[in-house]
C-alpha atoms as a PDB file:
ATOM      1  CA  MET A   1      -8.042  84.186  52.955  1.00  0.00           C
ATOM      2  CA  LYS A   2      -5.572  85.757  51.048  1.00  0.00           C
ATOM      3  CA  SER A   3      -2.575  83.458  49.415  1.00  0.00           C
ATOM      4  CA  GLU A   4       0.143  84.366  50.577  1.00  0.00           C
ATOM      5  CA  LYS A   5       2.012  81.999  52.801  1.00  0.00           C
ATOM      6  CA  THR A   6       5.544  81.343  52.839  1.00  0.00           C
ATOM      7  CA  PRO A   7       6.795  79.757  49.625  1.00  0.00           C
ATOM      8  CA  PRO A   8       8.447  75.932  49.355  1.00  0.00           C
ATOM      9  CA  PRO A   9      12.079  76.236  48.693  1.00  0.00           C
ATOM     10  CA  SER A  10      11.857  75.316  45.650  1.00  0.00           C
ATOM     11  CA  LEU A  11      10.006  77.982  44.230  1.00  0.00           C
ATOM     12  CA  VAL A  12      12.203  80.031  46.073  1.00  0.00           C
ATOM     13  CA  GLN A  13      13.484  81.744  43.479  1.00  0.00           C
ATOM     14  CA  ASP A  14      10.250  81.561  40.874  1.00  0.00           C
ATOM     15  CA  HIS A  15       8.714  84.669  41.707  1.00  0.00           C
ATOM     16  CA  TYR A  16       7.882  87.580  40.651  1.00  0.00           C
ATOM     17  CA  THR A  17       6.992  91.215  42.764  1.00  0.00           C
ATOM     18  CA  THR A  18       4.368  93.318  41.985  1.00  0.00           C
ATOM     19  CA  LEU A  19       5.459  95.922  39.532  1.00  0.00           C
ATOM     20  CA  GLU A  20       7.356  92.438  37.221  1.00  0.00           C
ATOM     21  CA  VAL A  21       3.382  91.334  37.445  1.00  0.00           C
ATOM     22  CA  ALA A  22       1.718  94.395  36.705  1.00  0.00           C
ATOM     23  CA  SER A  23       4.248  95.402  33.649  1.00  0.00           C
ATOM     24  CA  MET A  24       4.153  91.464  32.242  1.00  0.00           C
ATOM     25  CA  LEU A  25       0.826  91.654  31.771  1.00  0.00           C
ATOM     26  CA  GLY A  26      -0.115  95.785  30.831  1.00  0.00           C
ATOM     27  CA  LEU A  27      -1.662  96.354  34.338  1.00  0.00           C
ATOM     28  CA  ALA A  28      -1.855  98.980  37.382  1.00  0.00           C
ATOM     29  CA  VAL A  29       0.281  98.239  39.793  1.00  0.00           C
ATOM     30  CA  ARG A  30      -3.266  98.085  42.572  1.00  0.00           C
ATOM     31  CA  SER A  31      -4.739  95.575  39.858  1.00  0.00           C
ATOM     32  CA  VAL A  32      -2.475  92.724  40.623  1.00  0.00           C
ATOM     33  CA  GLN A  33      -2.558  93.571  44.024  1.00  0.00           C
ATOM     34  CA  LEU A  34      -6.543  93.174  43.863  1.00  0.00           C
ATOM     35  CA  MET A  35      -6.016  89.582  41.803  1.00  0.00           C
ATOM     36  CA  VAL A  36      -3.580  88.499  44.807  1.00  0.00           C
ATOM     37  CA  ASP A  37      -6.606  89.650  46.703  1.00  0.00           C
ATOM     38  CA  ARG A  38      -8.925  88.009  44.832  1.00  0.00           C
ATOM     39  CA  ASN A  39      -6.904  84.338  45.047  1.00  0.00           C
ATOM     40  CA  GLU A  40      -6.465  84.440  41.114  1.00  0.00           C
ATOM     41  CA  LEU A  41      -1.946  84.725  41.973  1.00  0.00           C
ATOM     42  CA  GLU A  42      -0.749  83.062  45.342  1.00  0.00           C
ATOM     43  CA  ALA A  43       1.883  85.250  47.495  1.00  0.00           C
ATOM     44  CA  TRP A  44       3.354  85.044  49.880  1.00  0.00           C
ATOM     45  CA  LYS A  45       5.839  88.671  51.226  1.00  0.00           C
ATOM     46  CA  THR A  46       8.992  88.827  52.509  1.00  0.00           C
ATOM     47  CA  PRO A  47      10.052  89.212  56.189  1.00  0.00           C
ATOM     48  CA  GLY A  48      10.530  92.523  54.893  1.00  0.00           C
ATOM     49  CA  GLY A  49       6.322  93.000  53.832  1.00  0.00           C
ATOM     50  CA  HIS A  50       7.249  93.169  50.357  1.00  0.00           C
ATOM     51  CA  ARG A  51       4.758  90.879  47.734  1.00  0.00           C
ATOM     52  CA  ARG A  52       6.365  87.880  45.692  1.00  0.00           C
ATOM     53  CA  ILE A  53       3.601  86.892  43.252  1.00  0.00           C
ATOM     54  CA  SER A  54       4.645  82.911  41.870  1.00  0.00           C
ATOM     55  CA  ARG A  55       5.482  82.878  38.016  1.00  0.00           C
ATOM     56  CA  ALA A  56       3.490  79.546  38.010  1.00  0.00           C
ATOM     57  CA  SER A  57       0.456  80.902  39.676  1.00  0.00           C
ATOM     58  CA  VAL A  58       1.526  83.712  36.945  1.00  0.00           C
ATOM     59  CA  GLU A  59       1.152  81.597  33.856  1.00  0.00           C
ATOM     60  CA  GLN A  60      -1.793  79.603  34.650  1.00  0.00           C
ATOM     61  CA  TRP A  61      -3.753  82.804  35.420  1.00  0.00           C
ATOM     62  CA  ILE A  62      -2.288  83.527  31.639  1.00  0.00           C
ATOM     63  CA  ASN A  63      -3.200  80.076  30.216  1.00  0.00           C
ATOM     64  CA  ALA A  64      -6.928  80.141  31.827  1.00  0.00           C
ATOM     65  CA  ARG A  65      -6.943  82.923  29.501  1.00  0.00           C
ATOM     66  CA  THR A  66      -5.319  82.168  26.581  1.00  0.00           C
ATOM     67  CA  GLY A  67      -5.112  78.439  25.799  1.00  0.00           C
ATOM     68  CA  GLY A  68      -8.503  78.262  24.008  1.00  0.00           C
ATOM     69  CA  ALA A  69      -7.986  81.158  21.527  1.00  0.00           C
ATOM     70  CA  LYS A  70      -8.291  80.295  17.644  1.00  0.00           C
ATOM     71  CA  GLY A  71      -4.642  79.046  17.535  1.00  0.00           C
ATOM     72  CA  GLY A  72      -3.163  79.745  21.134  1.00  0.00           C
ATOM     73  CA  ASN A  73      -0.911  77.184  23.314  1.00  0.00           C
ATOM     74  CA  PRO A  74       0.330  77.668  26.548  1.00  0.00           C
ATOM     75  CA  VAL A  75       1.603  80.544  27.071  1.00  0.00           C
ATOM     76  CA  ALA A  76       5.051  80.983  29.440  1.00  0.00           C
ATOM     77  CA  VAL A  77       5.881  84.310  30.201  1.00  0.00           C
ATOM     78  CA  THR A  78       8.708  86.407  31.187  1.00  0.00           C
ATOM     79  CA  SER A  79       9.823  89.014  33.755  1.00  0.00           C
ATOM     80  CA  ASN A  80      11.115  90.616  30.284  1.00  0.00           C
ATOM     81  CA  PRO A  81       9.383  91.769  27.499  1.00  0.00           C
ATOM     82  CA  SER A  82      11.893  91.961  24.914  1.00  0.00           C
ATOM     83  CA  GLU A  83      12.504  88.140  25.668  1.00  0.00           C
ATOM     84  CA  GLY A  84       9.206  87.352  24.211  1.00  0.00           C
ATOM     85  CA  ASN A  85       9.851  88.278  21.282  1.00  0.00           C
ATOM     86  CA  ALA A  86      13.024  86.648  20.335  1.00  0.00           C
ATOM     87  CA  GLY A  87      11.814  82.543  20.522  1.00  0.00           C
ATOM     88  CA  GLY A  88       8.935  80.533  21.590  1.00  0.00           C
ATOM     89  CA  SER A  89       5.413  80.572  20.589  1.00  0.00           C
ATOM     90  CA  HIS A  90       5.113  84.396  20.175  1.00  0.00           C
ATOM     91  CA  SER A  91       8.116  84.702  17.668  1.00  0.00           C
ATOM     92  CA  ARG A  92       6.825  81.327  15.787  1.00  0.00           C
ATOM     93  CA  ALA A  93       3.208  83.170  15.241  1.00  0.00           C
ATOM     94  CA  ARG A  94       5.000  85.796  13.853  1.00  0.00           C
ATOM     95  CA  HIS A  95       4.915  84.073  10.793  1.00  0.00           C
ATOM     96  CA  HIS A  96       1.164  85.189  10.807  1.00  0.00           C
ATOM     97  CA  ALA A  97      -0.904  88.583  11.556  1.00  0.00           C
ATOM     98  CA  GLN A  98      -1.568  88.814  14.243  1.00  0.00           C
ATOM     99  CA  ILE A  99      -5.423  90.025  15.243  1.00  0.00           C
ATOM    100  CA  LEU A 100      -6.525  90.767  19.192  1.00  0.00           C
ATOM    101  CA  LEU A 101     -10.297  90.983  20.041  1.00  0.00           C
ATOM    102  CA  ILE A 102     -11.196  92.081  22.671  1.00  0.00           C
ATOM    103  CA  GLU A 103     -15.307  91.605  23.291  1.00  0.00           C
ATOM    104  CA  ASP A 104     -17.433  89.978  25.492  1.00  0.00           C
ATOM    105  CA  SER A 105     -21.068  89.118  23.299  1.00  0.00           C
ATOM    106  CA  ILE A 106     -20.482  85.534  21.500  1.00  0.00           C
ATOM    107  CA  HIS A 107     -22.734  86.633  18.642  1.00  0.00           C
ATOM    108  CA  PHE A 108     -20.089  89.813  17.517  1.00  0.00           C
ATOM    109  CA  GLN A 109     -17.088  87.211  18.376  1.00  0.00           C
ATOM    110  CA  ASN A 110     -18.224  84.623  16.259  1.00  0.00           C
ATOM    111  CA  LEU A 111     -19.014  86.992  13.567  1.00  0.00           C
ATOM    112  CA  VAL A 112     -16.045  89.169  13.608  1.00  0.00           C
ATOM    113  CA  THR A 113     -13.953  85.108  14.231  1.00  0.00           C
ATOM    114  CA  LEU A 114     -16.119  83.977  10.371  1.00  0.00           C
ATOM    115  CA  LEU A 115     -14.843  87.747   8.396  1.00  0.00           C
ATOM    116  CA  VAL A 116     -11.195  87.384   9.038  1.00  0.00           C
ATOM    117  CA  ASN A 117     -11.617  83.370   8.009  1.00  0.00           C
ATOM    118  CA  GLN A 118     -13.284  84.219   5.224  1.00  0.00           C
ATOM    119  CA  HIS A 119     -11.293  87.486   4.138  1.00  0.00           C
ATOM    120  CA  PHE A 120      -8.246  87.319   5.962  1.00  0.00           C
ATOM    121  CA  PRO A 121      -7.247  83.401   6.133  1.00  0.00           C
ATOM    122  CA  GLY A 122      -3.821  83.552   6.837  1.00  0.00           C
ATOM    123  CA  ALA A 123      -4.448  86.195   9.452  1.00  0.00           C
ATOM    124  CA  VAL A 124      -4.676  84.240  13.450  1.00  0.00           C
ATOM    125  CA  LEU A 125      -7.349  85.559  15.776  1.00  0.00           C
ATOM    126  CA  HIS A 126      -6.934  85.729  19.593  1.00  0.00           C
ATOM    127  CA  THR A 127     -10.049  86.924  21.854  1.00  0.00           C
ATOM    128  CA  ALA A 128     -10.711  87.614  25.309  1.00  0.00           C
ATOM    129  CA  ASN A 129     -14.176  88.281  26.937  1.00  0.00           C
ATOM    130  CA  ASP A 130     -13.026  91.331  28.871  1.00  0.00           C
ATOM    131  CA  GLY A 131     -10.436  94.144  29.204  1.00  0.00           C
ATOM    132  CA  ILE A 132      -8.919  92.585  32.178  1.00  0.00           C
ATOM    133  CA  THR A 133      -7.997  89.464  30.183  1.00  0.00           C
ATOM    134  CA  GLY A 134      -7.239  91.495  27.047  1.00  0.00           C
ATOM    135  CA  LEU A 135      -3.779  93.275  28.321  1.00  0.00           C
ATOM    136  CA  ALA A 136      -2.999  90.533  29.568  1.00  0.00           C
ATOM    137  CA  MET A 137      -3.482  88.953  26.665  1.00  0.00           C
ATOM    138  CA  TYR A 138      -1.872  92.399  24.342  1.00  0.00           C
ATOM    139  CA  GLY A 139       0.509  91.770  25.790  1.00  0.00           C
ATOM    140  CA  GLN A 140       1.542  88.375  25.050  1.00  0.00           C
ATOM    141  CA  ILE A 141       0.510  88.974  21.471  1.00  0.00           C
ATOM    142  CA  GLN A 142       1.409  91.870  20.039  1.00  0.00           C
ATOM    143  CA  PRO A 143      -1.522  91.683  17.530  1.00  0.00           C
ATOM    144  CA  ASP A 144      -0.795  93.128  14.888  1.00  0.00           C
ATOM    145  CA  VAL A 145      -4.431  94.484  14.977  1.00  0.00           C
ATOM    146  CA  LEU A 146      -6.625  95.497  18.159  1.00  0.00           C
ATOM    147  CA  ILE A 147      -9.893  95.021  18.028  1.00  0.00           C
ATOM    148  CA  VAL A 148     -11.699  96.688  20.457  1.00  0.00           C
ATOM    149  CA  ASP A 149     -15.507  96.830  22.489  1.00  0.00           C
ATOM    150  CA  ILE A 150     -16.417 100.015  24.089  1.00  0.00           C
ATOM    151  CA  LEU A 151     -18.808  98.203  26.527  1.00  0.00           C
ATOM    152  CA  LEU A 152     -17.037  95.720  28.229  1.00  0.00           C
ATOM    153  CA  PRO A 153     -16.446  94.400  31.525  1.00  0.00           C
ATOM    154  CA  GLY A 154     -14.080  94.949  34.428  1.00  0.00           C
ATOM    155  CA  ILE A 155     -12.776  97.622  32.314  1.00  0.00           C
ATOM    156  CA  ASP A 156     -14.566  99.420  29.144  1.00  0.00           C
ATOM    157  CA  GLY A 157     -12.517  99.399  25.972  1.00  0.00           C
ATOM    158  CA  ALA A 158     -11.378 103.574  26.037  1.00  0.00           C
ATOM    159  CA  THR A 159      -9.892 102.937  29.808  1.00  0.00           C
ATOM    160  CA  LEU A 160      -8.109  99.868  28.427  1.00  0.00           C
ATOM    161  CA  ILE A 161      -7.061 101.905  24.965  1.00  0.00           C
ATOM    162  CA  THR A 162      -5.399 104.949  27.363  1.00  0.00           C
ATOM    163  CA  THR A 163      -4.000 101.982  29.500  1.00  0.00           C
ATOM    164  CA  LEU A 164      -2.254 101.091  26.461  1.00  0.00           C
ATOM    165  CA  ARG A 165      -1.583 103.967  24.784  1.00  0.00           C
ATOM    166  CA  SER A 166       1.519 104.328  27.927  1.00  0.00           C
ATOM    167  CA  HIS A 167       2.699 101.068  27.083  1.00  0.00           C
ATOM    168  CA  PRO A 168       5.545 101.817  24.278  1.00  0.00           C
ATOM    169  CA  GLN A 169       4.841  98.098  22.298  1.00  0.00           C
ATOM    170  CA  PHE A 170       1.893  99.638  21.775  1.00  0.00           C
ATOM    171  CA  ALA A 171       2.894 101.810  18.891  1.00  0.00           C
ATOM    172  CA  ARG A 172       3.229  99.024  16.516  1.00  0.00           C
ATOM    173  CA  SER A 173      -0.443  97.744  16.576  1.00  0.00           C
ATOM    174  CA  ARG A 174      -3.545  99.599  14.369  1.00  0.00           C
ATOM    175  CA  LEU A 175      -6.722  99.622  16.370  1.00  0.00           C
ATOM    176  CA  ILE A 176     -10.185  98.720  15.490  1.00  0.00           C
ATOM    177  CA  VAL A 177     -12.469  99.803  17.510  1.00  0.00           C
ATOM    178  CA  VAL A 178     -16.564  98.148  17.178  1.00  0.00           C
ATOM    179  CA  THR A 179     -19.640  99.373  19.238  1.00  0.00           C
ATOM    180  CA  SER A 180     -22.938  99.644  19.517  1.00  0.00           C
ATOM    181  CA  LEU A 181     -22.995 102.917  20.621  1.00  0.00           C
ATOM    182  CA  ASP A 182     -24.537 106.085  17.976  1.00  0.00           C
ATOM    183  CA  GLU A 183     -22.438 109.444  17.738  1.00  0.00           C
ATOM    184  CA  THR A 184     -23.876 110.859  20.550  1.00  0.00           C
ATOM    185  CA  GLN A 185     -23.355 108.149  22.782  1.00  0.00           C
ATOM    186  CA  ARG A 186     -19.778 107.841  22.380  1.00  0.00           C
ATOM    187  CA  GLU A 187     -19.136 110.855  23.425  1.00  0.00           C
ATOM    188  CA  PRO A 188     -18.333 110.714  26.927  1.00  0.00           C
ATOM    189  CA  TYR A 189     -15.454 108.157  25.403  1.00  0.00           C
ATOM    190  CA  ALA A 190     -14.058 110.482  22.629  1.00  0.00           C
ATOM    191  CA  PHE A 191     -11.038 111.327  24.529  1.00  0.00           C
ATOM    192  CA  ALA A 192      -9.558 107.968  23.403  1.00  0.00           C
ATOM    193  CA  LEU A 193     -11.123 107.690  20.383  1.00  0.00           C
ATOM    194  CA  GLN A 194      -9.410 110.681  18.233  1.00  0.00           C
ATOM    195  CA  GLY A 195      -8.030 109.143  15.080  1.00  0.00           C
ATOM    196  CA  VAL A 196      -8.960 105.550  15.379  1.00  0.00           C
ATOM    197  CA  THR A 197     -11.350 104.392  13.022  1.00  0.00           C
ATOM    198  CA  VAL A 198     -14.580 103.003  14.595  1.00  0.00           C
ATOM    199  CA  ILE A 199     -17.370 100.839  13.534  1.00  0.00           C
ATOM    200  CA  HIS A 200     -20.596 100.857  14.219  1.00  0.00           C
ATOM    201  CA  LYS A 201     -22.028  97.104  15.166  1.00  0.00           C
ATOM    202  CA  PRO A 202     -24.749  97.109  12.690  1.00  0.00           C
ATOM    203  CA  GLN A 203     -22.529  97.588   9.739  1.00  0.00           C
ATOM    204  CA  LEU A 204     -19.772  95.324  10.875  1.00  0.00           C
ATOM    205  CA  VAL A 205     -19.918  92.771   7.941  1.00  0.00           C
ATOM    206  CA  ALA A 206     -20.197  96.369   5.276  1.00  0.00           C
ATOM    207  CA  GLU A 207     -16.704  97.590   7.414  1.00  0.00           C
ATOM    208  CA  LEU A 208     -14.975  95.004   9.048  1.00  0.00           C
ATOM    209  CA  PRO A 209     -12.602  93.578   6.147  1.00  0.00           C
ATOM    210  CA  ALA A 210     -11.718  97.016   4.573  1.00  0.00           C
ATOM    211  CA  ALA A 211     -10.419  98.563   8.269  1.00  0.00           C
ATOM    212  CA  LEU A 212      -8.306  95.500   8.389  1.00  0.00           C
ATOM    213  CA  ALA A 213      -7.175  95.240   5.186  1.00  0.00           C
ATOM    214  CA  ASP A 214      -6.107  99.118   5.785  1.00  0.00           C
ATOM    215  CA  SER A 215      -4.238  97.501   8.945  1.00  0.00           C
ATOM    216  CA  LEU A 216      -3.446  94.589   8.229  1.00  0.00           C
ATOM    217  CA  PRO A 217       0.480  93.990   7.034  1.00  0.00           C
ATOM    218  CA  ALA A 218      -0.151  93.899   2.945  1.00  0.00           C
ATOM    219  CA  LYS A 219       1.093  90.221   2.051  1.00  0.00           C
ATOM    220  CA  VAL A 220      -1.860  89.504   4.842  1.00  0.00           C
ATOM    221  CA  ALA A 221      -4.734  92.224   3.451  1.00  0.00           C
END
């Protein structure tokens, strides 16, 4: 049963449109609609049939996926992306370089964490376990470096990269792709990998520190 009901009077003004939520999370409108259908977001419909999504449920969804990340604090979302850059936890975190790792393997999450802590102790590493969560975290963090696996649950890395490239804020991030696929196996994803640093996972320890040094701000690297 969908979470679409008449909102309490105190929450009438505390909501977003589907388009606003899609913009905040860096997702397609259809993805947000499916999240409502899965009861991941609380929503109701206006008398005119327009869907409205509770701000509290959006914040809860993001915090459930970012609160456990290293250095992560609960995130308060805003319908204006530029406001997220101006203050709050995001601006405080900007004193340190931000790295977002989107990787579903716990082993490689731990390995990247070890390498970042060892070589770039001044950087903050955030981790997402799947592409959808990674898209949402990207919109909140707007990292200096994005590390993405190609094979991810929910949405593959190539599709994720293509989606992010449609957002202007992606221009400020450097991209590193890590994958267990060899060059032949990567061919179906070549459309998203042109001009991108790609590291084969067996070479991660040897190659990732140098790739991060080239991508992170000079004061961190």
